Amino acid sequence: MAALTPIALLKSQLNLDHDLDDALLAHKLDAAEIWIGNFTGYPFEAGNAVLTEAALQLAAFWYEAREAASDVTQRVVPFGVHELLAPYCKQVTGYVEA
């Protein structure tokens, strides 16, 4: 699946002015949009400013922190992404059959 969020927007988020990492940025955006769809329970919706902001924050975080190993405690997702997505999550109550 090709990312619905423009790479140019992610490059602006990261203050990048070169094309050297465009393939990697496209991959990070694609992965972020898939992650958001899995987290919310709905497919990523292009043009939704809140979902796009969450995708940009997540892709930028993954781009800048490319390795999971660190001597500093890392968050799985950057601060604020869960809060942005909370209103978009499917609400599940009671028993759900697997």
N, C-alpha and C. Protein backbone atom coordinates (compact mmCIF):
# COMPACT_ATOMS: atom_id res chain seq x y z
N MET A 1 0.84 -1.17 0.00
CA MET A 1 0.00 0.00 0.00
C MET A 1 0.89 1.24 0.00
N ALA A 2 0.64 2.16 -0.86
CA ALA A 2 1.38 3.42 -0.89
C ALA A 2 0.77 4.37 0.13
N ALA A 3 1.62 5.11 0.81
CA ALA A 3 1.15 6.05 1.83
C ALA A 3 0.23 7.10 1.21
N LEU A 4 -0.79 7.48 1.95
CA LEU A 4 -1.73 8.51 1.51
C LEU A 4 -1.26 9.92 1.89
N THR A 5 -0.36 9.99 2.87
CA THR A 5 0.20 11.27 3.32
C THR A 5 1.38 11.63 2.42
N PRO A 6 1.44 12.84 1.90
CA PRO A 6 2.54 13.23 1.00
C PRO A 6 3.90 13.23 1.71
N ILE A 7 4.90 12.70 1.02
CA ILE A 7 6.26 12.70 1.56
C ILE A 7 6.72 14.13 1.82
N ALA A 8 6.32 15.07 0.97
CA ALA A 8 6.73 16.47 1.15
C ALA A 8 6.29 17.01 2.51
N LEU A 9 5.15 16.57 2.99
CA LEU A 9 4.67 17.01 4.29
C LEU A 9 5.55 16.46 5.41
N LEU A 10 5.94 15.19 5.29
CA LEU A 10 6.84 14.60 6.28
C LEU A 10 8.21 15.27 6.24
N LYS A 11 8.69 15.60 5.04
CA LYS A 11 9.97 16.29 4.93
C LYS A 11 9.91 17.66 5.59
N SER A 12 8.78 18.34 5.50
CA SER A 12 8.61 19.61 6.19
C SER A 12 8.62 19.41 7.70
N GLN A 13 7.95 18.36 8.15
CA GLN A 13 7.93 18.03 9.58
C GLN A 13 9.34 17.81 10.11
N LEU A 14 10.17 17.18 9.31
CA LEU A 14 11.54 16.85 9.71
C LEU A 14 12.57 17.91 9.33
N ASN A 15 12.14 18.96 8.62
CA ASN A 15 13.06 19.99 8.10
C ASN A 15 14.13 19.40 7.20
N LEU A 16 13.74 18.47 6.33
CA LEU A 16 14.67 17.86 5.37
C LEU A 16 14.57 18.59 4.04
N ASP A 17 15.71 18.86 3.45
CA ASP A 17 15.71 19.55 2.14
C ASP A 17 16.47 18.76 1.09
N HIS A 18 16.50 17.43 1.25
CA HIS A 18 17.16 16.58 0.26
C HIS A 18 16.26 15.39 -0.06
N ASP A 19 16.61 14.69 -1.14
CA ASP A 19 15.80 13.55 -1.59
C ASP A 19 16.44 12.21 -1.27
N LEU A 20 17.53 12.21 -0.50
CA LEU A 20 18.29 10.99 -0.25
C LEU A 20 17.49 9.90 0.46
N ASP A 21 16.56 10.29 1.31
CA ASP A 21 15.83 9.31 2.11
C ASP A 21 14.37 9.17 1.71
N ASP A 22 14.00 9.59 0.52
CA ASP A 22 12.59 9.56 0.11
C ASP A 22 11.98 8.16 0.19
N ALA A 23 12.71 7.14 -0.21
CA ALA A 23 12.17 5.77 -0.15
C ALA A 23 11.93 5.36 1.30
N LEU A 24 12.87 5.70 2.17
CA LEU A 24 12.71 5.38 3.60
C LEU A 24 11.56 6.15 4.21
N LEU A 25 11.43 7.43 3.86
CA LEU A 25 10.33 8.24 4.37
C LEU A 25 8.98 7.70 3.91
N ALA A 26 8.89 7.27 2.65
CA ALA A 26 7.65 6.68 2.13
C ALA A 26 7.31 5.42 2.91
N HIS A 27 8.32 4.62 3.21
CA HIS A 27 8.11 3.39 3.97
C HIS A 27 7.61 3.72 5.39
N LYS A 28 8.23 4.70 6.03
CA LYS A 28 7.82 5.08 7.39
C LYS A 28 6.38 5.60 7.41
N LEU A 29 6.01 6.41 6.42
CA LEU A 29 4.63 6.90 6.33
C LEU A 29 3.65 5.75 6.11
N ASP A 30 3.99 4.83 5.24
CA ASP A 30 3.13 3.68 4.98
C ASP A 30 2.93 2.86 6.26
N ALA A 31 4.04 2.60 6.95
CA ALA A 31 3.96 1.83 8.20
C ALA A 31 3.14 2.58 9.25
N ALA A 32 3.31 3.90 9.34
CA ALA A 32 2.56 4.70 10.31
C ALA A 32 1.06 4.65 10.02
N GLU A 33 0.69 4.77 8.75
CA GLU A 33 -0.73 4.73 8.39
C GLU A 33 -1.34 3.36 8.69
N ILE A 34 -0.59 2.30 8.43
CA ILE A 34 -1.07 0.95 8.75
C ILE A 34 -1.21 0.79 10.26
N TRP A 35 -0.21 1.28 11.01
CA TRP A 35 -0.25 1.20 12.48
C TRP A 35 -1.48 1.93 13.00
N ILE A 36 -1.76 3.12 12.46
CA ILE A 36 -2.91 3.90 12.89
C ILE A 36 -4.21 3.15 12.61
N GLY A 37 -4.31 2.54 11.44
CA GLY A 37 -5.49 1.75 11.11
C GLY A 37 -5.69 0.58 12.07
N ASN A 38 -4.59 -0.09 12.40
CA ASN A 38 -4.67 -1.21 13.34
C ASN A 38 -5.02 -0.71 14.75
N PHE A 39 -4.48 0.42 15.15
CA PHE A 39 -4.72 0.96 16.49
C PHE A 39 -6.17 1.42 16.65
N THR A 40 -6.69 2.09 15.64
CA THR A 40 -8.06 2.63 15.74
C THR A 40 -9.13 1.61 15.38
N GLY A 41 -8.77 0.64 14.56
CA GLY A 41 -9.76 -0.33 14.10
C GLY A 41 -10.44 0.09 12.80
N TYR A 42 -9.99 1.22 12.23
CA TYR A 42 -10.54 1.73 10.98
C TYR A 42 -9.40 2.00 10.00
N PRO A 43 -9.63 1.89 8.71
CA PRO A 43 -8.57 2.22 7.74
C PRO A 43 -8.18 3.70 7.87
N PHE A 44 -6.92 3.98 7.57
CA PHE A 44 -6.44 5.37 7.59
C PHE A 44 -7.22 6.17 6.57
N GLU A 45 -7.62 7.37 6.96
CA GLU A 45 -8.46 8.23 6.12
C GLU A 45 -7.65 9.43 5.63
N ALA A 46 -7.36 9.48 4.34
CA ALA A 46 -6.62 10.60 3.77
C ALA A 46 -7.43 11.88 3.92
N GLY A 47 -6.74 12.98 4.18
CA GLY A 47 -7.40 14.26 4.28
C GLY A 47 -7.88 14.61 5.68
N ASN A 48 -7.85 13.66 6.61
CA ASN A 48 -8.24 13.93 7.98
C ASN A 48 -7.01 14.53 8.69
N ALA A 49 -7.11 15.79 9.09
CA ALA A 49 -5.96 16.51 9.65
C ALA A 49 -5.41 15.85 10.92
N VAL A 50 -6.28 15.32 11.76
CA VAL A 50 -5.83 14.70 13.01
C VAL A 50 -5.09 13.39 12.71
N LEU A 51 -5.64 12.56 11.85
CA LEU A 51 -4.96 11.31 11.50
C LEU A 51 -3.65 11.59 10.77
N THR A 52 -3.64 12.60 9.91
CA THR A 52 -2.41 12.97 9.20
C THR A 52 -1.36 13.45 10.18
N GLU A 53 -1.75 14.25 11.16
CA GLU A 53 -0.80 14.72 12.19
C GLU A 53 -0.21 13.54 12.96
N ALA A 54 -1.06 12.58 13.31
CA ALA A 54 -0.58 11.40 14.03
C ALA A 54 0.41 10.61 13.15
N ALA A 55 0.10 10.47 11.87
CA ALA A 55 0.98 9.75 10.95
C ALA A 55 2.32 10.47 10.81
N LEU A 56 2.28 11.80 10.71
CA LEU A 56 3.52 12.57 10.60
C LEU A 56 4.37 12.44 11.85
N GLN A 57 3.74 12.55 13.02
CA GLN A 57 4.49 12.42 14.27
C GLN A 57 5.10 11.04 14.40
N LEU A 58 4.33 10.02 14.07
CA LEU A 58 4.80 8.64 14.20
C LEU A 58 5.92 8.35 13.20
N ALA A 59 5.73 8.73 11.94
CA ALA A 59 6.75 8.48 10.92
C ALA A 59 8.03 9.25 11.22
N ALA A 60 7.91 10.49 11.67
CA ALA A 60 9.09 11.30 12.02
C ALA A 60 9.82 10.67 13.20
N PHE A 61 9.09 10.19 14.19
CA PHE A 61 9.69 9.54 15.35
C PHE A 61 10.45 8.29 14.92
N TRP A 62 9.81 7.47 14.08
CA TRP A 62 10.48 6.25 13.62
C TRP A 62 11.68 6.56 12.74
N TYR A 63 11.63 7.63 11.98
CA TYR A 63 12.76 8.03 11.13
C TYR A 63 13.95 8.47 11.99
N GLU A 64 13.67 9.25 13.03
CA GLU A 64 14.75 9.77 13.86
C GLU A 64 15.27 8.76 14.86
N ALA A 65 14.46 7.83 15.30
CA ALA A 65 14.87 6.79 16.26
C ALA A 65 14.78 5.44 15.55
N ARG A 66 15.71 5.19 14.63
CA ARG A 66 15.61 4.01 13.76
C ARG A 66 15.97 2.70 14.45
N GLU A 67 16.67 2.76 15.55
CA GLU A 67 17.07 1.54 16.25
C GLU A 67 16.28 1.40 17.54
N ALA A 68 15.87 0.19 17.84
CA ALA A 68 15.12 -0.06 19.07
C ALA A 68 16.04 -0.08 20.29
N ALA A 69 17.32 -0.37 20.07
CA ALA A 69 18.27 -0.46 21.17
C ALA A 69 18.82 0.93 21.51
N SER A 70 18.84 1.24 22.80
CA SER A 70 19.36 2.53 23.24
C SER A 70 19.67 2.46 24.72
N ASP A 71 20.56 3.33 25.18
CA ASP A 71 20.82 3.40 26.61
C ASP A 71 19.83 4.34 27.30
N VAL A 72 18.96 4.93 26.51
CA VAL A 72 17.91 5.82 27.02
C VAL A 72 16.57 5.12 26.84
N THR A 73 15.69 5.25 27.81
CA THR A 73 14.37 4.64 27.70
C THR A 73 13.61 5.29 26.54
N GLN A 74 13.13 4.48 25.63
CA GLN A 74 12.38 4.96 24.47
C GLN A 74 10.91 4.61 24.61
N ARG A 75 10.08 5.49 24.11
CA ARG A 75 8.65 5.19 24.02
C ARG A 75 8.40 4.47 22.70
N VAL A 76 7.39 3.64 22.66
CA VAL A 76 7.04 2.93 21.43
C VAL A 76 6.50 3.92 20.40
N VAL A 77 5.70 4.85 20.84
CA VAL A 77 5.18 5.92 19.98
C VAL A 77 5.43 7.25 20.67
N PRO A 78 5.56 8.32 19.91
CA PRO A 78 5.85 9.61 20.53
C PRO A 78 4.68 10.13 21.36
N PHE A 79 5.02 10.98 22.31
CA PHE A 79 4.02 11.61 23.17
C PHE A 79 2.96 12.30 22.33
N GLY A 80 1.72 12.05 22.62
CA GLY A 80 0.62 12.72 21.95
C GLY A 80 -0.10 11.90 20.89
N VAL A 81 0.53 10.88 20.35
CA VAL A 81 -0.10 10.11 19.28
C VAL A 81 -1.33 9.37 19.79
N HIS A 82 -1.22 8.72 20.95
CA HIS A 82 -2.39 8.03 21.51
C HIS A 82 -3.53 9.01 21.77
N GLU A 83 -3.18 10.20 22.28
CA GLU A 83 -4.20 11.20 22.58
C GLU A 83 -4.89 11.70 21.31
N LEU A 84 -4.13 11.88 20.23
CA LEU A 84 -4.72 12.29 18.96
C LEU A 84 -5.69 11.23 18.43
N LEU A 85 -5.33 9.97 18.60
CA LEU A 85 -6.11 8.88 18.00
C LEU A 85 -7.25 8.37 18.87
N ALA A 86 -7.24 8.68 20.15
CA ALA A 86 -8.26 8.14 21.07
C ALA A 86 -9.69 8.34 20.59
N PRO A 87 -10.06 9.52 20.08
CA PRO A 87 -11.45 9.69 19.63
C PRO A 87 -11.82 8.86 18.40
N TYR A 88 -10.81 8.33 17.70
CA TYR A 88 -11.06 7.57 16.47
C TYR A 88 -11.06 6.06 16.71
N CYS A 89 -10.80 5.63 17.92
CA CYS A 89 -10.73 4.20 18.20
C CYS A 89 -12.12 3.60 18.31
N LYS A 90 -12.26 2.38 17.80
CA LYS A 90 -13.52 1.65 17.95
C LYS A 90 -13.75 1.41 19.43
N GLN A 91 -14.95 1.65 19.87
CA GLN A 91 -15.31 1.41 21.26
C GLN A 91 -15.84 -0.01 21.38
N VAL A 92 -15.22 -0.78 22.24
CA VAL A 92 -15.61 -2.16 22.45
C VAL A 92 -16.01 -2.32 23.92
N THR A 93 -17.22 -2.80 24.14
CA THR A 93 -17.67 -3.05 25.50
C THR A 93 -18.25 -4.45 25.58
N GLY A 94 -18.14 -5.03 26.73
CA GLY A 94 -18.72 -6.35 26.91
C GLY A 94 -17.89 -7.45 26.27
N TYR A 95 -18.52 -8.56 26.05
CA TYR A 95 -17.86 -9.74 25.52
C TYR A 95 -17.72 -9.65 24.00
N VAL A 96 -16.53 -9.92 23.53
CA VAL A 96 -16.28 -9.94 22.09
C VAL A 96 -15.82 -11.35 21.74
N GLU A 97 -16.57 -12.02 20.86
CA GLU A 97 -16.21 -13.37 20.46
C GLU A 97 -15.03 -13.32 19.49
N ALA A 98 -14.03 -14.13 19.74
CA ALA A 98 -12.83 -14.15 18.90
C ALA A 98 -13.05 -14.82 17.58
